[in-house]
Amino acid sequence: MEPNKKETKRFLIIYCIAIFVFAVTLILIASFSQLRITREADEIKERLTSAEILAADKQTRLDAVMTENSRLNQQIKLLESTKQSLTTENEELKSKQTTDAKRIAAYQKLAEMINYKRLNKKSALRNAITAFEEGGYPDCLNVADLQIYNSIK
């Protein structure tokens, strides 16, 4: 072989080795890039799975809170109706208490007038009858006691 052919052959061998090294380098770079992309894709998948789990958990919590809210609203309505009925009952009892207090006072005054009549204290009896009628106590008496009052008058 000639020196020129030897150099050409040598040049071709070096050129082939350089191309081979370049190709191997490109393959290594591509494989490392692919590993990095795969690793990032796995991380993104894990984040997505974690986000889906969190979203499902949030939805479950939201459903539980909505159910609890609905239950509490029903309980509020029930308590409000109970409060209303108790308020009405309380007002009725207060009214009855006032009526009963006036009725008790009427019977006490009637007993007082009976004592004045029995003791024959005419001026005190007249004053008691006037106060009794001004106080509206005759309306508080039952029929039998009203007859007693009328007989004293």
Protein backbone atom coordinates (compact mmCIF):
# COMPACT_ATOMS: atom_id res chain seq x y z
CA MET A 1 0.00 0.00 0.00
CA GLU A 2 1.05 3.41 -0.73
CA PRO A 3 1.62 6.07 1.81
CA ASN A 4 -1.31 8.04 0.45
CA LYS A 5 -3.59 5.07 0.71
CA LYS A 6 -2.28 4.39 4.17
CA GLU A 7 -3.10 7.90 5.25
CA THR A 8 -6.50 7.71 3.62
CA LYS A 9 -7.14 4.39 5.33
CA ARG A 10 -5.91 5.84 8.60
CA PHE A 11 -8.06 8.93 8.08
CA LEU A 12 -11.10 6.74 7.39
CA ILE A 13 -10.47 4.67 10.50
CA ILE A 14 -10.10 7.80 12.66
CA TYR A 15 -13.16 9.29 10.93
CA CYS A 16 -15.18 6.09 11.63
CA ILE A 17 -14.00 6.04 15.24
CA ALA A 18 -14.95 9.71 15.63
CA ILE A 19 -18.36 9.10 14.08
CA PHE A 20 -18.83 6.03 16.30
CA VAL A 21 -17.83 8.01 19.43
CA PHE A 22 -20.15 10.83 18.36
CA ALA A 23 -23.00 8.37 17.76
CA VAL A 24 -22.41 6.65 21.12
CA THR A 25 -22.34 10.07 22.81
CA LEU A 26 -25.63 11.04 21.15
CA ILE A 27 -27.17 7.73 22.20
CA LEU A 28 -25.98 8.25 25.80
CA ILE A 29 -27.27 11.82 25.85
CA ALA A 30 -30.60 10.65 24.44
CA SER A 31 -30.87 7.82 26.97
CA PHE A 32 -30.05 10.17 29.88
CA SER A 33 -32.60 12.65 28.57
CA GLN A 34 -35.16 9.85 28.26
CA LEU A 35 -34.41 8.74 31.86
CA ARG A 36 -34.84 12.30 33.08
CA ILE A 37 -38.10 12.71 31.14
CA THR A 38 -39.37 9.35 32.43
CA ARG A 39 -38.44 10.31 36.00
CA GLU A 40 -40.21 13.69 35.66
CA ALA A 41 -43.24 11.98 34.12
CA ASP A 42 -43.36 9.57 37.07
CA GLU A 43 -43.15 12.48 39.50
CA ILE A 44 -45.96 14.26 37.65
CA LYS A 45 -48.04 11.05 37.76
CA GLU A 46 -47.43 10.77 41.52
CA ARG A 47 -48.44 14.42 42.00
CA LEU A 48 -51.53 13.88 39.89
CA THR A 49 -52.45 10.77 41.87
CA SER A 50 -51.85 12.67 45.11
CA ALA A 51 -53.97 15.57 43.84
CA GLU A 52 -56.76 13.17 42.82
CA ILE A 53 -56.67 11.58 46.28
CA LEU A 54 -56.78 15.03 47.90
CA ALA A 55 -59.65 16.07 45.62
CA ALA A 56 -61.57 12.90 46.48
CA ASP A 57 -60.88 13.49 50.18
CA LYS A 58 -62.02 17.10 49.88
CA GLN A 59 -65.17 15.97 48.08
CA THR A 60 -65.85 13.39 50.78
CA ARG A 61 -65.37 16.04 53.45
CA LEU A 62 -67.58 18.47 51.53
CA ASP A 63 -70.31 15.83 51.29
CA ALA A 64 -70.01 15.13 55.01
CA VAL A 65 -70.17 18.85 55.82
CA MET A 66 -73.18 19.31 53.52
CA THR A 67 -74.95 16.39 55.21
CA GLU A 68 -74.12 17.79 58.65
CA ASN A 69 -75.28 21.25 57.54
CA SER A 70 -78.57 19.81 56.32
CA ARG A 71 -79.05 17.93 59.59
CA LEU A 72 -78.27 21.06 61.61
CA ASN A 73 -80.69 23.14 59.51
CA GLN A 74 -83.43 20.59 60.21
CA GLN A 75 -82.54 20.69 63.89
CA ILE A 76 -82.68 24.50 63.83
CA LYS A 77 -86.15 24.39 62.27
CA LEU A 78 -87.29 21.90 64.88
CA LEU A 79 -85.85 24.01 67.70
CA GLU A 80 -87.42 27.16 66.30
CA SER A 81 -90.85 25.51 66.16
CA THR A 82 -90.32 24.18 69.70
CA LYS A 83 -89.28 27.66 70.82
CA GLN A 84 -92.37 29.16 69.20
CA SER A 85 -94.67 26.66 70.90
CA LEU A 86 -92.92 27.20 74.24
CA THR A 87 -93.19 30.96 73.82
CA THR A 88 -96.90 30.63 73.12
CA GLU A 89 -97.32 28.32 76.10
CA ASN A 90 -95.33 30.74 78.28
CA GLU A 91 -97.55 33.64 77.24
CA GLU A 92 -100.65 31.58 77.97
CA LEU A 93 -99.28 30.64 81.39
CA LYS A 94 -98.43 34.26 82.16
CA SER A 95 -101.92 35.30 81.15
CA LYS A 96 -103.39 32.52 83.29
CA GLN A 97 -101.11 33.53 86.17
CA THR A 98 -102.33 37.12 85.90
CA THR A 99 -105.94 35.95 85.77
CA ASP A 100 -105.37 33.60 88.71
CA ALA A 101 -103.68 36.36 90.71
CA LYS A 102 -106.63 38.66 90.07
CA ARG A 103 -109.06 35.86 90.96
CA ILE A 104 -107.18 35.20 94.23
CA ALA A 105 -107.26 38.91 95.03
CA ALA A 106 -111.02 38.94 94.24
CA TYR A 107 -111.65 36.05 96.64
CA GLN A 108 -109.51 37.70 99.32
CA LYS A 109 -111.49 40.91 98.94
CA LEU A 110 -114.76 38.92 98.97
CA ALA A 111 -113.65 37.24 102.20
CA GLU A 112 -112.80 40.67 103.58
CA MET A 113 -116.27 41.97 102.65
CA ILE A 114 -117.90 38.92 104.26
CA ASN A 115 -115.96 39.71 107.45
CA TYR A 116 -117.05 43.36 107.32
CA LYS A 117 -120.67 42.24 106.86
CA ARG A 118 -120.34 39.71 109.70
CA LEU A 119 -118.77 42.34 111.97
CA ASN A 120 -121.37 44.86 110.83
CA LYS A 121 -118.78 47.45 109.67
CA LYS A 122 -120.93 49.26 107.13
CA SER A 123 -118.53 52.05 106.13
CA ALA A 124 -115.61 49.66 105.63
CA LEU A 125 -117.96 47.36 103.68
CA ARG A 126 -119.05 50.22 101.39
CA ASN A 127 -115.43 51.20 100.76
CA ALA A 128 -114.51 47.56 100.07
CA ILE A 129 -117.47 47.17 97.64
CA THR A 130 -116.45 50.34 95.78
CA ALA A 131 -112.81 49.22 95.52
CA PHE A 132 -113.99 45.74 94.51
CA GLU A 133 -116.07 47.05 91.64
CA GLU A 134 -113.46 49.60 90.52
CA GLY A 135 -110.88 46.82 90.40
CA GLY A 136 -113.13 44.76 88.12
CA TYR A 137 -113.13 41.87 90.58
CA PRO A 138 -116.79 40.83 90.11
CA ASP A 139 -115.88 39.43 86.69
CA CYS A 140 -113.42 37.04 88.37
CA LEU A 141 -116.01 35.34 90.56
CA ASN A 142 -117.88 32.19 89.64
CA VAL A 143 -121.69 32.14 89.63
CA ALA A 144 -122.13 30.93 93.22
CA ASP A 145 -119.63 33.43 94.63
CA LEU A 146 -121.17 36.21 92.53
CA GLN A 147 -124.51 35.47 94.22
CA ILE A 148 -122.79 35.77 97.61
CA TYR A 149 -121.29 39.09 96.55
CA ASN A 150 -124.68 40.37 95.31
CA SER A 151 -126.29 39.36 98.61
CA ILE A 152 -123.62 41.33 100.52
CA LYS A 153 -124.07 44.36 98.30
